């Protein structure tokens, strides 16, 4: 049997990667990358010459059986996403589940993921929290927002720059404009920013300046 490694990659600064992750990427047989062009910059930076293959949400169902066969045949395969930890709002779950069902050993290395620094920097309670990832874009969105209005734990959301004002506005409508929140973007990058305040004030803040980068929204519980 081979082994499947899920290896976190930097969410911003290229130095946010472990020595063990670099060594494993160098000696494994294959690297599955969400976008080989994006991952190519990281691999080139650390002089990693392992062959890459695209593995993303559009081809994972077609590729999973073949990949499991390769793992069962003894290959060591690493799965990476464009940034952060695979399977966290990124492809990975299907391959992990199929590998486990086939008796293949699976290991996820500790490392970068965007919601942890955003939560800690928010100043909101982080002893108990719920990670929501991306809210449904259409079907079920309003229902989920109504349910979250009763959530007592700190809530964490991922959002794109194109929808962040809309999401903040809807959160304010359902949870109340005075609910405390924090919005982090470009975590560990040169122009990293964390804005804190009420949901209403954050709507105003990001309406007044064009949102750029990937966002993590952290909202206080009820």
N, C-alpha and C. Protein backbone atom coordinates (compact mmCIF):
# COMPACT_ATOMS: atom_id res chain seq x y z
N UNK A 1 0.83 -1.21 0.00
CA UNK A 1 0.00 0.00 0.00
C UNK A 1 0.86 1.26 0.00
N UNK A 2 0.40 2.25 -0.73
CA UNK A 2 1.03 3.55 -0.67
C UNK A 2 0.40 4.38 0.44
N UNK A 3 0.51 5.69 0.32
CA UNK A 3 -0.04 6.56 1.35
C UNK A 3 -0.45 7.89 0.72
N UNK A 4 -1.56 8.42 1.21
CA UNK A 4 -2.04 9.72 0.76
C UNK A 4 -1.71 10.76 1.82
N UNK A 5 -1.01 11.80 1.41
CA UNK A 5 -0.68 12.91 2.31
C UNK A 5 -1.47 14.15 1.89
N UNK A 6 -2.14 14.77 2.84
CA UNK A 6 -2.77 16.07 2.60
C UNK A 6 -1.84 17.12 3.20
N UNK A 7 -1.32 17.99 2.33
CA UNK A 7 -0.26 18.90 2.76
C UNK A 7 -0.73 20.35 2.63
N UNK A 8 -0.83 21.07 3.75
CA UNK A 8 -1.22 22.48 3.70
C UNK A 8 -0.14 23.32 3.00
N UNK A 9 -0.59 24.28 2.23
CA UNK A 9 0.32 25.20 1.56
C UNK A 9 0.05 26.63 2.03
N UNK A 10 1.01 27.54 1.88
CA UNK A 10 0.84 28.90 2.40
C UNK A 10 -0.39 29.60 1.85
N UNK A 11 -1.05 30.37 2.70
CA UNK A 11 -2.20 31.16 2.26
C UNK A 11 -1.77 32.55 1.81
N UNK A 12 -0.49 32.87 2.01
CA UNK A 12 0.03 34.17 1.61
C UNK A 12 1.54 34.11 1.50
N UNK A 13 2.21 34.39 2.58
CA UNK A 13 3.67 34.37 2.63
C UNK A 13 4.18 32.96 2.36
N UNK A 14 5.08 32.83 1.37
CA UNK A 14 5.58 31.52 0.97
C UNK A 14 6.37 30.82 2.07
N UNK A 15 6.78 31.56 3.10
CA UNK A 15 7.54 30.95 4.19
C UNK A 15 6.63 30.24 5.20
N UNK A 16 5.32 30.37 5.02
CA UNK A 16 4.38 29.72 5.94
C UNK A 16 4.14 28.27 5.54
N UNK A 17 5.21 27.49 5.52
CA UNK A 17 5.11 26.08 5.19
C UNK A 17 6.14 25.35 6.05
N UNK A 18 5.83 24.12 6.44
CA UNK A 18 6.74 23.42 7.34
C UNK A 18 7.86 22.73 6.56
N UNK A 19 8.95 22.47 7.25
CA UNK A 19 10.09 21.76 6.65
C UNK A 19 9.65 20.36 6.22
N UNK A 20 8.85 19.72 7.07
CA UNK A 20 8.39 18.37 6.72
C UNK A 20 7.54 18.38 5.46
N UNK A 21 6.70 19.41 5.29
CA UNK A 21 5.87 19.49 4.09
C UNK A 21 6.75 19.60 2.84
N UNK A 22 7.78 20.42 2.90
CA UNK A 22 8.69 20.56 1.76
C UNK A 22 9.36 19.23 1.44
N UNK A 23 9.85 18.55 2.46
CA UNK A 23 10.54 17.27 2.25
C UNK A 23 9.62 16.22 1.66
N UNK A 24 8.38 16.17 2.12
CA UNK A 24 7.44 15.19 1.59
C UNK A 24 7.09 15.50 0.14
N UNK A 25 6.91 16.76 -0.17
CA UNK A 25 6.61 17.14 -1.56
C UNK A 25 7.76 16.79 -2.50
N UNK A 26 8.98 16.81 -1.98
CA UNK A 26 10.14 16.48 -2.81
C UNK A 26 10.26 14.98 -3.07
N UNK A 27 9.85 14.15 -2.11
CA UNK A 27 10.11 12.72 -2.27
C UNK A 27 8.88 11.88 -2.61
N UNK A 28 7.69 12.48 -2.65
CA UNK A 28 6.52 11.69 -3.03
C UNK A 28 6.55 11.41 -4.53
N UNK A 29 5.69 10.49 -4.97
CA UNK A 29 5.68 10.10 -6.39
C UNK A 29 4.88 11.06 -7.26
N UNK A 30 3.89 11.68 -6.68
CA UNK A 30 2.99 12.55 -7.44
C UNK A 30 2.39 13.60 -6.53
N UNK A 31 2.22 14.82 -7.06
CA UNK A 31 1.53 15.89 -6.34
C UNK A 31 0.23 16.21 -7.08
N UNK A 32 -0.87 16.08 -6.40
CA UNK A 32 -2.16 16.49 -6.95
C UNK A 32 -2.40 17.94 -6.55
N UNK A 33 -2.55 18.81 -7.54
CA UNK A 33 -2.66 20.24 -7.29
C UNK A 33 -3.98 20.77 -7.85
N UNK A 34 -4.63 21.63 -7.09
CA UNK A 34 -5.88 22.23 -7.54
C UNK A 34 -5.66 23.01 -8.82
N UNK A 35 -4.60 23.79 -8.88
CA UNK A 35 -4.21 24.53 -10.09
C UNK A 35 -2.69 24.40 -10.22
N UNK A 36 -2.22 23.67 -11.21
CA UNK A 36 -0.79 23.41 -11.35
C UNK A 36 0.00 24.69 -11.62
N UNK A 37 -0.64 25.69 -12.22
CA UNK A 37 0.07 26.96 -12.46
C UNK A 37 0.31 27.70 -11.15
N UNK A 38 -0.72 27.76 -10.32
CA UNK A 38 -0.57 28.42 -9.02
C UNK A 38 0.44 27.69 -8.15
N UNK A 39 0.31 26.38 -8.06
CA UNK A 39 1.23 25.59 -7.23
C UNK A 39 2.63 25.57 -7.79
N UNK A 40 2.75 25.78 -9.10
CA UNK A 40 4.08 25.80 -9.72
C UNK A 40 5.00 26.85 -9.13
N UNK A 41 4.45 27.99 -8.75
CA UNK A 41 5.27 29.05 -8.15
C UNK A 41 5.87 28.58 -6.82
N UNK A 42 5.05 27.90 -6.01
CA UNK A 42 5.52 27.40 -4.71
C UNK A 42 6.59 26.33 -4.91
N UNK A 43 6.32 25.39 -5.80
CA UNK A 43 7.27 24.30 -6.01
C UNK A 43 8.59 24.82 -6.58
N UNK A 44 8.52 25.77 -7.48
CA UNK A 44 9.75 26.34 -8.03
C UNK A 44 10.55 27.06 -6.95
N UNK A 45 9.84 27.77 -6.06
CA UNK A 45 10.50 28.52 -4.99
C UNK A 45 11.32 27.60 -4.10
N UNK A 46 10.80 26.39 -3.85
CA UNK A 46 11.49 25.44 -2.97
C UNK A 46 12.22 24.33 -3.73
N UNK A 47 12.38 24.53 -5.04
CA UNK A 47 13.12 23.59 -5.89
C UNK A 47 12.56 22.17 -5.76
N UNK A 48 11.25 22.08 -5.84
CA UNK A 48 10.55 20.79 -5.80
C UNK A 48 10.22 20.40 -7.24
N UNK A 49 10.75 19.25 -7.66
CA UNK A 49 10.61 18.84 -9.06
C UNK A 49 9.66 17.66 -9.26
N UNK A 50 8.93 17.30 -8.24
CA UNK A 50 7.98 16.19 -8.33
C UNK A 50 6.90 16.49 -9.37
N UNK A 51 6.50 15.47 -10.11
CA UNK A 51 5.48 15.66 -11.14
C UNK A 51 4.15 16.05 -10.52
N UNK A 52 3.47 16.99 -11.17
CA UNK A 52 2.16 17.44 -10.72
C UNK A 52 1.06 16.96 -11.66
N UNK A 53 -0.14 16.84 -11.09
CA UNK A 53 -1.32 16.51 -11.87
C UNK A 53 -2.49 17.32 -11.34
N UNK A 54 -3.32 17.83 -12.23
CA UNK A 54 -4.47 18.63 -11.80
C UNK A 54 -5.50 17.76 -11.09
N UNK A 55 -5.99 18.26 -9.97
CA UNK A 55 -7.06 17.59 -9.24
C UNK A 55 -7.93 18.68 -8.63
N UNK A 56 -9.13 18.86 -9.17
CA UNK A 56 -9.99 19.95 -8.72
C UNK A 56 -11.44 19.49 -8.75
N UNK A 57 -12.34 20.38 -8.37
CA UNK A 57 -13.75 20.00 -8.19
C UNK A 57 -14.42 19.56 -9.49
N UNK A 58 -13.82 19.92 -10.64
CA UNK A 58 -14.43 19.56 -11.91
C UNK A 58 -14.00 18.19 -12.43
N UNK A 59 -12.91 17.64 -11.87
CA UNK A 59 -12.46 16.34 -12.36
C UNK A 59 -12.29 15.29 -11.26
N UNK A 60 -12.56 15.65 -10.00
CA UNK A 60 -12.26 14.73 -8.91
C UNK A 60 -13.08 13.44 -8.98
N UNK A 61 -14.33 13.52 -9.41
CA UNK A 61 -15.16 12.32 -9.49
C UNK A 61 -14.64 11.35 -10.54
N UNK A 62 -14.13 11.90 -11.64
CA UNK A 62 -13.61 11.04 -12.70
C UNK A 62 -12.24 10.46 -12.34
N UNK A 63 -11.47 11.18 -11.52
CA UNK A 63 -10.09 10.78 -11.26
C UNK A 63 -9.91 9.90 -10.04
N UNK A 64 -10.88 9.89 -9.13
CA UNK A 64 -10.65 9.30 -7.82
C UNK A 64 -10.34 7.81 -7.87
N UNK A 65 -11.06 7.04 -8.69
CA UNK A 65 -10.83 5.58 -8.72
C UNK A 65 -9.43 5.25 -9.20
N UNK A 66 -8.98 5.94 -10.24
CA UNK A 66 -7.63 5.71 -10.78
C UNK A 66 -6.57 6.07 -9.74
N UNK A 67 -6.78 7.15 -9.02
CA UNK A 67 -5.81 7.57 -8.00
C UNK A 67 -5.75 6.57 -6.85
N UNK A 68 -6.89 6.07 -6.45
CA UNK A 68 -6.91 5.06 -5.37
C UNK A 68 -6.18 3.80 -5.83
N UNK A 69 -6.34 3.42 -7.10
CA UNK A 69 -5.62 2.26 -7.63
C UNK A 69 -4.11 2.48 -7.55
N UNK A 70 -3.66 3.68 -7.84
CA UNK A 70 -2.23 3.99 -7.77
C UNK A 70 -1.74 3.95 -6.32
N UNK A 71 -2.56 4.43 -5.41
CA UNK A 71 -2.19 4.36 -3.99
C UNK A 71 -2.11 2.91 -3.52
N UNK A 72 -3.05 2.11 -3.94
CA UNK A 72 -3.05 0.69 -3.55
C UNK A 72 -1.86 -0.05 -4.16
N UNK A 73 -1.37 0.48 -5.28
CA UNK A 73 -0.22 -0.15 -5.94
C UNK A 73 1.10 0.26 -5.30
N UNK A 74 1.05 1.17 -4.31
CA UNK A 74 2.25 1.51 -3.57
C UNK A 74 2.77 2.92 -3.73
N UNK A 75 2.08 3.76 -4.50
CA UNK A 75 2.58 5.12 -4.71
C UNK A 75 2.31 6.00 -3.48
N UNK A 76 3.21 6.96 -3.27
CA UNK A 76 3.04 7.98 -2.25
C UNK A 76 2.54 9.24 -2.96
N UNK A 77 1.34 9.68 -2.64
CA UNK A 77 0.72 10.81 -3.35
C UNK A 77 0.41 11.93 -2.37
N UNK A 78 0.76 13.15 -2.75
CA UNK A 78 0.48 14.33 -1.94
C UNK A 78 -0.63 15.15 -2.60
N UNK A 79 -1.59 15.58 -1.81
CA UNK A 79 -2.66 16.44 -2.29
C UNK A 79 -2.49 17.82 -1.69
N UNK A 80 -2.46 18.84 -2.55
CA UNK A 80 -2.37 20.23 -2.10
C UNK A 80 -3.48 21.04 -2.76
N UNK A 81 -3.86 22.13 -2.13
CA UNK A 81 -4.80 23.07 -2.74
C UNK A 81 -4.04 24.34 -3.10
N UNK A 82 -4.73 25.29 -3.71
CA UNK A 82 -4.05 26.54 -4.09
C UNK A 82 -3.48 27.24 -2.87
N UNK A 83 -4.17 27.14 -1.75
CA UNK A 83 -3.72 27.77 -0.50
C UNK A 83 -4.46 27.15 0.66
N UNK A 84 -3.73 26.90 1.74
CA UNK A 84 -4.36 26.36 2.93
C UNK A 84 -4.39 24.84 2.96
N UNK A 85 -5.31 24.30 3.75
CA UNK A 85 -5.39 22.86 3.98
C UNK A 85 -6.40 22.22 3.05
N UNK A 86 -6.02 21.19 2.28
CA UNK A 86 -6.98 20.50 1.40
C UNK A 86 -8.18 20.01 2.19
N UNK A 87 -9.33 20.00 1.53
CA UNK A 87 -10.62 19.55 2.08
C UNK A 87 -11.35 20.64 2.86
N UNK A 88 -10.66 21.69 3.28
CA UNK A 88 -11.33 22.80 3.98
C UNK A 88 -11.79 23.80 2.93
N UNK A 89 -13.06 23.68 2.52
CA UNK A 89 -13.62 24.49 1.42
C UNK A 89 -12.81 24.33 0.14
N UNK A 90 -12.19 23.18 -0.04
CA UNK A 90 -11.40 22.84 -1.22
C UNK A 90 -11.55 21.34 -1.48
N UNK A 91 -11.21 20.87 -2.69
CA UNK A 91 -11.30 19.43 -2.97
C UNK A 91 -10.42 18.62 -2.02
N UNK A 92 -10.85 17.39 -1.77
CA UNK A 92 -10.05 16.51 -0.92
C UNK A 92 -10.88 15.44 -0.24
N UNK A 93 -12.09 15.80 0.20
CA UNK A 93 -12.91 14.86 0.97
C UNK A 93 -13.16 13.57 0.21
N UNK A 94 -13.51 13.66 -1.07
CA UNK A 94 -13.86 12.48 -1.85
C UNK A 94 -12.68 11.51 -1.93
N UNK A 95 -11.49 12.03 -2.19
CA UNK A 95 -10.30 11.18 -2.29
C UNK A 95 -9.95 10.57 -0.93
N UNK A 96 -10.07 11.36 0.12
CA UNK A 96 -9.79 10.86 1.47
C UNK A 96 -10.73 9.71 1.81
N UNK A 97 -12.02 9.91 1.61
CA UNK A 97 -13.01 8.88 1.93
C UNK A 97 -12.78 7.61 1.11
N UNK A 98 -12.53 7.77 -0.18
CA UNK A 98 -12.32 6.61 -1.05
C UNK A 98 -11.04 5.87 -0.68
N UNK A 99 -10.00 6.62 -0.29
CA UNK A 99 -8.74 5.99 0.11
C UNK A 99 -8.93 5.17 1.39
N UNK A 100 -9.63 5.75 2.36
CA UNK A 100 -9.88 5.05 3.62
C UNK A 100 -10.68 3.78 3.37
N UNK A 101 -11.70 3.88 2.52
CA UNK A 101 -12.52 2.72 2.21
C UNK A 101 -11.71 1.61 1.54
N UNK A 102 -10.65 2.01 0.80
CA UNK A 102 -9.81 1.04 0.11
C UNK A 102 -8.68 0.53 0.99
N UNK A 103 -8.62 1.00 2.23
CA UNK A 103 -7.59 0.54 3.15
C UNK A 103 -6.27 1.27 3.02
N UNK A 104 -6.26 2.41 2.32
CA UNK A 104 -5.05 3.19 2.14
C UNK A 104 -4.85 4.12 3.34
N UNK A 105 -3.62 4.22 3.81
CA UNK A 105 -3.32 5.10 4.93
C UNK A 105 -3.38 6.55 4.48
N UNK A 106 -4.01 7.40 5.29
CA UNK A 106 -4.17 8.83 4.97
C UNK A 106 -3.63 9.65 6.14
N UNK A 107 -2.84 10.67 5.82
CA UNK A 107 -2.31 11.55 6.87
C UNK A 107 -2.39 13.00 6.41
N UNK A 108 -2.93 13.85 7.28
CA UNK A 108 -2.96 15.29 7.01
C UNK A 108 -1.93 15.98 7.89
N UNK A 109 -1.02 16.70 7.28
CA UNK A 109 -0.02 17.44 8.04
C UNK A 109 -0.65 18.69 8.65
N UNK A 110 -0.18 19.12 9.81
CA UNK A 110 -0.65 20.40 10.36
C UNK A 110 -0.05 21.54 9.56
N UNK A 111 -0.79 22.63 9.47
CA UNK A 111 -0.26 23.76 8.72
C UNK A 111 -1.28 24.84 8.47
N UNK A 112 -1.02 25.65 7.48
CA UNK A 112 -1.80 26.87 7.24
C UNK A 112 -3.26 26.59 6.89
N UNK A 113 -4.14 27.38 7.48
CA UNK A 113 -5.54 27.44 7.07
C UNK A 113 -6.05 28.83 7.47
N UNK A 114 -6.84 29.44 6.62
CA UNK A 114 -7.14 30.87 6.79
C UNK A 114 -7.97 31.19 8.01
N UNK A 115 -8.90 30.29 8.40
CA UNK A 115 -9.85 30.71 9.44
C UNK A 115 -9.24 30.78 10.83
N UNK A 116 -8.15 30.06 11.10
CA UNK A 116 -7.57 30.07 12.45
C UNK A 116 -6.97 31.45 12.79
N UNK A 117 -6.06 32.01 11.98
CA UNK A 117 -5.56 33.35 12.32
C UNK A 117 -6.65 34.40 12.32
N UNK A 118 -7.63 34.28 11.41
CA UNK A 118 -8.72 35.26 11.39
C UNK A 118 -9.53 35.21 12.67
N UNK A 119 -9.79 34.01 13.17
CA UNK A 119 -10.53 33.85 14.42
C UNK A 119 -9.75 34.41 15.60
N UNK A 120 -8.48 34.08 15.68
CA UNK A 120 -7.66 34.53 16.81
C UNK A 120 -7.50 36.04 16.80
N UNK A 121 -7.31 36.62 15.60
CA UNK A 121 -7.13 38.07 15.49
C UNK A 121 -8.41 38.86 15.71
N UNK A 122 -9.56 38.20 15.63
CA UNK A 122 -10.83 38.91 15.69
C UNK A 122 -11.09 39.55 17.05
N UNK A 123 -10.54 38.95 18.11
CA UNK A 123 -10.85 39.43 19.45
C UNK A 123 -12.18 38.91 19.97
N UNK A 124 -12.84 38.05 19.18
CA UNK A 124 -14.10 37.44 19.60
C UNK A 124 -13.82 36.10 20.28
N UNK A 125 -14.74 35.59 21.09
CA UNK A 125 -14.50 34.33 21.78
C UNK A 125 -14.13 33.20 20.81
N UNK A 126 -13.04 32.50 21.10
CA UNK A 126 -12.61 31.43 20.19
C UNK A 126 -12.48 30.09 20.91
N UNK A 127 -13.07 29.99 22.12
CA UNK A 127 -13.06 28.70 22.81
C UNK A 127 -14.06 27.74 22.18
N UNK A 128 -15.16 28.29 21.65
CA UNK A 128 -16.14 27.50 20.92
C UNK A 128 -16.56 28.29 19.69
N UNK A 129 -16.58 27.62 18.55
CA UNK A 129 -16.93 28.32 17.31
C UNK A 129 -17.47 27.32 16.31
N UNK A 130 -18.14 27.83 15.28
CA UNK A 130 -18.60 26.97 14.18
C UNK A 130 -18.08 27.53 12.87
N UNK A 131 -17.55 26.64 12.05
CA UNK A 131 -17.01 27.02 10.75
C UNK A 131 -18.07 26.75 9.69
N UNK A 132 -18.53 27.81 9.02
CA UNK A 132 -19.58 27.67 8.01
C UNK A 132 -19.04 27.62 6.59
N UNK A 133 -17.78 28.02 6.40
CA UNK A 133 -17.24 28.07 5.04
C UNK A 133 -18.01 29.08 4.20
N UNK A 134 -18.28 28.72 2.95
CA UNK A 134 -19.07 29.60 2.08
C UNK A 134 -20.55 29.33 2.29
N UNK A 135 -21.33 30.38 2.50
CA UNK A 135 -22.78 30.22 2.59
C UNK A 135 -23.33 29.78 1.24
N UNK A 136 -24.46 29.06 1.22
CA UNK A 136 -25.08 28.73 -0.08
C UNK A 136 -25.34 30.01 -0.86
N UNK A 137 -25.04 29.98 -2.15
CA UNK A 137 -25.20 31.21 -2.93
C UNK A 137 -26.67 31.50 -3.25
N UNK A 138 -27.47 30.44 -3.43
CA UNK A 138 -28.88 30.65 -3.78
C UNK A 138 -29.77 29.80 -2.88
N UNK A 139 -30.02 28.56 -3.29
CA UNK A 139 -30.93 27.69 -2.56
C UNK A 139 -30.44 27.43 -1.14
N UNK A 140 -31.29 27.71 -0.18
CA UNK A 140 -30.97 27.45 1.22
C UNK A 140 -30.25 28.57 1.93
N UNK A 141 -29.90 29.64 1.23
CA UNK A 141 -29.13 30.73 1.86
C UNK A 141 -29.93 31.43 2.95
N UNK A 142 -31.17 31.84 2.62
CA UNK A 142 -32.00 32.55 3.60
C UNK A 142 -32.33 31.67 4.80
N UNK A 143 -32.59 30.39 4.53
CA UNK A 143 -32.88 29.46 5.62
C UNK A 143 -31.69 29.33 6.56
N UNK A 144 -30.50 29.24 5.98
CA UNK A 144 -29.30 29.10 6.81
C UNK A 144 -29.06 30.36 7.63
N UNK A 145 -29.25 31.52 7.05
CA UNK A 145 -29.06 32.78 7.77
C UNK A 145 -30.03 32.88 8.95
N UNK A 146 -31.26 32.45 8.75
CA UNK A 146 -32.25 32.47 9.85
C UNK A 146 -31.82 31.53 10.97
N UNK A 147 -31.28 30.37 10.61
CA UNK A 147 -30.81 29.42 11.62
C UNK A 147 -29.63 30.00 12.40
N UNK A 148 -28.71 30.67 11.70
CA UNK A 148 -27.52 31.20 12.34
C UNK A 148 -27.83 32.37 13.28
N UNK A 149 -28.98 32.99 13.10
CA UNK A 149 -29.38 34.08 14.00
C UNK A 149 -29.52 33.59 15.43
N UNK A 150 -29.72 32.28 15.61
CA UNK A 150 -29.86 31.69 16.95
C UNK A 150 -28.59 31.01 17.44
N UNK A 151 -27.51 31.08 16.65
CA UNK A 151 -26.25 30.42 17.02
C UNK A 151 -25.54 31.20 18.12
N UNK A 152 -25.16 30.51 19.19
CA UNK A 152 -24.49 31.16 20.32
C UNK A 152 -22.96 31.14 20.20
N UNK A 153 -22.43 30.28 19.35
CA UNK A 153 -20.97 30.23 19.18
C UNK A 153 -20.51 31.28 18.17
N UNK A 154 -19.24 31.63 18.23
CA UNK A 154 -18.65 32.49 17.21
C UNK A 154 -18.73 31.79 15.86
N UNK A 155 -19.08 32.53 14.83
CA UNK A 155 -19.27 31.95 13.49
C UNK A 155 -18.20 32.44 12.52
N UNK A 156 -17.77 31.55 11.65
CA UNK A 156 -16.71 31.86 10.69
C UNK A 156 -17.19 31.56 9.28
N UNK A 157 -16.98 32.51 8.38
CA UNK A 157 -17.40 32.36 6.99
C UNK A 157 -16.24 32.70 6.06
N UNK A 158 -16.20 32.04 4.91
CA UNK A 158 -15.32 32.44 3.82
C UNK A 158 -16.16 33.21 2.81
N UNK A 159 -15.53 34.20 2.17
CA UNK A 159 -16.26 34.94 1.14
C UNK A 159 -15.30 35.52 0.11
N UNK A 160 -15.81 35.70 -1.11
CA UNK A 160 -15.01 36.30 -2.18
C UNK A 160 -15.17 37.82 -2.12
N UNK A 161 -14.24 38.57 -2.75
CA UNK A 161 -14.36 40.04 -2.73
C UNK A 161 -15.61 40.53 -3.44
N UNK A 162 -16.16 39.72 -4.35
CA UNK A 162 -17.31 40.16 -5.13
C UNK A 162 -18.62 40.07 -4.35
N UNK A 163 -18.63 39.27 -3.28
CA UNK A 163 -19.87 39.08 -2.53
C UNK A 163 -19.76 39.49 -1.07
N UNK A 164 -18.62 40.04 -0.65
CA UNK A 164 -18.42 40.27 0.77
C UNK A 164 -19.38 41.34 1.32
N UNK A 165 -19.64 42.41 0.57
CA UNK A 165 -20.57 43.45 1.04
C UNK A 165 -21.98 42.89 1.12
N UNK A 166 -22.38 42.11 0.12
CA UNK A 166 -23.71 41.48 0.13
C UNK A 166 -23.87 40.57 1.34
N UNK A 167 -22.85 39.76 1.62
CA UNK A 167 -22.92 38.83 2.74
C UNK A 167 -22.97 39.57 4.07
N UNK A 168 -22.12 40.59 4.23
CA UNK A 168 -22.14 41.38 5.46
C UNK A 168 -23.50 42.05 5.66
N UNK A 169 -24.09 42.55 4.58
CA UNK A 169 -25.40 43.20 4.65
C UNK A 169 -26.47 42.20 5.08
N UNK A 170 -26.43 41.00 4.51
CA UNK A 170 -27.42 39.99 4.87
C UNK A 170 -27.23 39.50 6.30
N UNK A 171 -25.99 39.38 6.73
CA UNK A 171 -25.73 39.01 8.13
C UNK A 171 -26.28 40.07 9.08
N UNK A 172 -26.09 41.34 8.71
CA UNK A 172 -26.62 42.44 9.53
C UNK A 172 -28.14 42.39 9.58
N UNK A 173 -28.77 42.08 8.45
CA UNK A 173 -30.23 42.02 8.39
C UNK A 173 -30.78 40.90 9.28
N UNK A 174 -30.10 39.76 9.31
CA UNK A 174 -30.63 38.60 10.03
C UNK A 174 -30.14 38.51 11.48
N UNK A 175 -28.92 38.99 11.73
CA UNK A 175 -28.34 38.87 13.07
C UNK A 175 -28.40 40.17 13.85
N UNK A 176 -28.64 41.27 13.14
CA UNK A 176 -28.67 42.59 13.77
C UNK A 176 -27.43 43.39 13.44
N UNK A 177 -27.62 44.64 13.06
CA UNK A 177 -26.52 45.50 12.64
C UNK A 177 -25.51 45.79 13.73
N UNK A 178 -25.92 45.64 15.01
CA UNK A 178 -25.02 45.92 16.13
C UNK A 178 -24.19 44.71 16.56
N UNK A 179 -24.39 43.58 15.89
CA UNK A 179 -23.61 42.37 16.23
C UNK A 179 -22.14 42.62 15.92
N UNK A 180 -21.27 42.28 16.86
CA UNK A 180 -19.84 42.47 16.68
C UNK A 180 -19.28 41.45 15.68
N UNK A 181 -18.33 41.92 14.88
CA UNK A 181 -17.74 41.05 13.85
C UNK A 181 -16.34 41.53 13.51
N UNK A 182 -15.66 40.71 12.73
CA UNK A 182 -14.31 41.01 12.29
C UNK A 182 -14.16 40.47 10.87
N UNK A 183 -13.47 41.22 10.03
CA UNK A 183 -13.25 40.79 8.65
C UNK A 183 -11.75 40.85 8.35
N UNK A 184 -11.18 39.71 7.99
CA UNK A 184 -9.76 39.65 7.64
C UNK A 184 -9.61 39.33 6.16
N UNK A 185 -8.64 39.96 5.53
CA UNK A 185 -8.38 39.69 4.12
C UNK A 185 -6.88 39.64 3.89
N UNK A 186 -6.48 38.94 2.83
CA UNK A 186 -5.07 38.85 2.44
C UNK A 186 -4.19 38.41 3.62
N UNK A 187 -4.65 37.43 4.36
CA UNK A 187 -3.94 36.98 5.56
C UNK A 187 -2.52 36.56 5.22
N UNK A 188 -1.56 37.08 5.97
CA UNK A 188 -0.12 36.83 5.86
C UNK A 188 0.50 37.40 4.59
N UNK A 189 -0.26 38.17 3.82
CA UNK A 189 0.29 38.83 2.63
C UNK A 189 0.70 40.26 2.97
N UNK A 190 1.28 40.94 2.00
CA UNK A 190 1.83 42.28 2.22
C UNK A 190 0.76 43.28 2.67
N UNK A 191 -0.44 43.19 2.10
CA UNK A 191 -1.49 44.15 2.41
C UNK A 191 -2.58 43.52 3.28
N UNK A 192 -2.18 42.68 4.20
CA UNK A 192 -3.13 42.04 5.11
C UNK A 192 -3.87 43.10 5.92
N UNK A 193 -5.16 42.86 6.14
CA UNK A 193 -5.98 43.82 6.90
C UNK A 193 -7.01 43.06 7.72
N UNK A 194 -7.23 43.51 8.93
CA UNK A 194 -8.33 43.02 9.75
C UNK A 194 -9.12 44.22 10.24
N UNK A 195 -10.40 44.26 9.86
CA UNK A 195 -11.29 45.34 10.29
C UNK A 195 -12.28 44.78 11.30
N UNK A 196 -12.46 45.50 12.40
CA UNK A 196 -13.33 45.04 13.48
C UNK A 196 -14.39 46.09 13.76
N UNK A 197 -15.55 45.63 14.23
CA UNK A 197 -16.62 46.56 14.58
C UNK A 197 -17.96 45.87 14.50
N UNK A 198 -19.02 46.64 14.39
CA UNK A 198 -20.35 46.05 14.20
C UNK A 198 -20.51 45.65 12.74
N UNK A 199 -21.46 44.77 12.49
CA UNK A 199 -21.73 44.39 11.10
C UNK A 199 -22.11 45.61 10.28
N UNK A 200 -22.88 46.51 10.87
CA UNK A 200 -23.29 47.72 10.15
C UNK A 200 -22.08 48.58 9.77
N UNK A 201 -21.13 48.75 10.70
CA UNK A 201 -19.95 49.57 10.41
C UNK A 201 -19.05 48.90 9.38
N UNK A 202 -19.01 47.58 9.39
CA UNK A 202 -18.18 46.86 8.41
C UNK A 202 -18.78 46.94 7.01
N UNK A 203 -20.10 46.95 6.93
CA UNK A 203 -20.75 47.17 5.62
C UNK A 203 -20.33 48.53 5.07
N UNK A 204 -20.36 49.54 5.92
CA UNK A 204 -19.97 50.89 5.51
C UNK A 204 -18.50 50.92 5.09
N UNK A 205 -17.66 50.26 5.87
CA UNK A 205 -16.21 50.25 5.60
C UNK A 205 -15.91 49.66 4.22
N UNK A 206 -16.49 48.51 3.92
CA UNK A 206 -16.15 47.83 2.66
C UNK A 206 -16.99 48.32 1.48
N UNK A 207 -18.02 49.10 1.77
CA UNK A 207 -18.73 49.79 0.68
C UNK A 207 -17.93 50.98 0.21
N UNK A 208 -17.21 51.61 1.14
CA UNK A 208 -16.42 52.80 0.82
C UNK A 208 -15.10 52.52 0.14
N UNK A 209 -14.63 51.27 0.18
CA UNK A 209 -13.39 50.92 -0.52
C UNK A 209 -13.59 49.58 -1.20
N UNK A 210 -13.05 49.46 -2.39
CA UNK A 210 -13.25 48.26 -3.19
C UNK A 210 -12.64 47.04 -2.50
N UNK A 211 -13.45 46.01 -2.21
CA UNK A 211 -12.90 44.82 -1.56
C UNK A 211 -11.96 44.07 -2.49
N UNK A 212 -10.80 43.71 -1.97
CA UNK A 212 -9.83 42.94 -2.75
C UNK A 212 -9.28 41.80 -1.90
N UNK A 213 -8.98 40.68 -2.54
CA UNK A 213 -8.42 39.53 -1.85
C UNK A 213 -9.50 38.59 -1.34
N UNK A 214 -9.09 37.51 -0.74
CA UNK A 214 -10.02 36.54 -0.16
C UNK A 214 -10.34 36.93 1.28
N UNK A 215 -11.58 36.76 1.68
CA UNK A 215 -12.05 37.26 2.98
C UNK A 215 -12.46 36.15 3.93
N UNK A 216 -12.19 36.39 5.22
CA UNK A 216 -12.72 35.56 6.30
C UNK A 216 -13.54 36.47 7.20
N UNK A 217 -14.80 36.15 7.37
CA UNK A 217 -15.71 36.92 8.22
C UNK A 217 -15.93 36.16 9.51
N UNK A 218 -15.71 36.82 10.63
CA UNK A 218 -15.92 36.21 11.95
C UNK A 218 -16.99 37.03 12.67
N UNK A 219 -18.05 36.35 13.14
CA UNK A 219 -19.19 37.06 13.73
C UNK A 219 -19.46 36.49 15.12
N UNK A 220 -19.70 37.36 16.07
CA UNK A 220 -20.01 36.95 17.44
C UNK A 220 -21.31 36.17 17.48
N UNK A 221 -21.41 35.22 18.39
CA UNK A 221 -22.63 34.47 18.57
C UNK A 221 -23.70 35.31 19.25
N UNK A 222 -24.91 34.77 19.33
CA UNK A 222 -26.03 35.49 19.91
C UNK A 222 -25.78 35.78 21.38
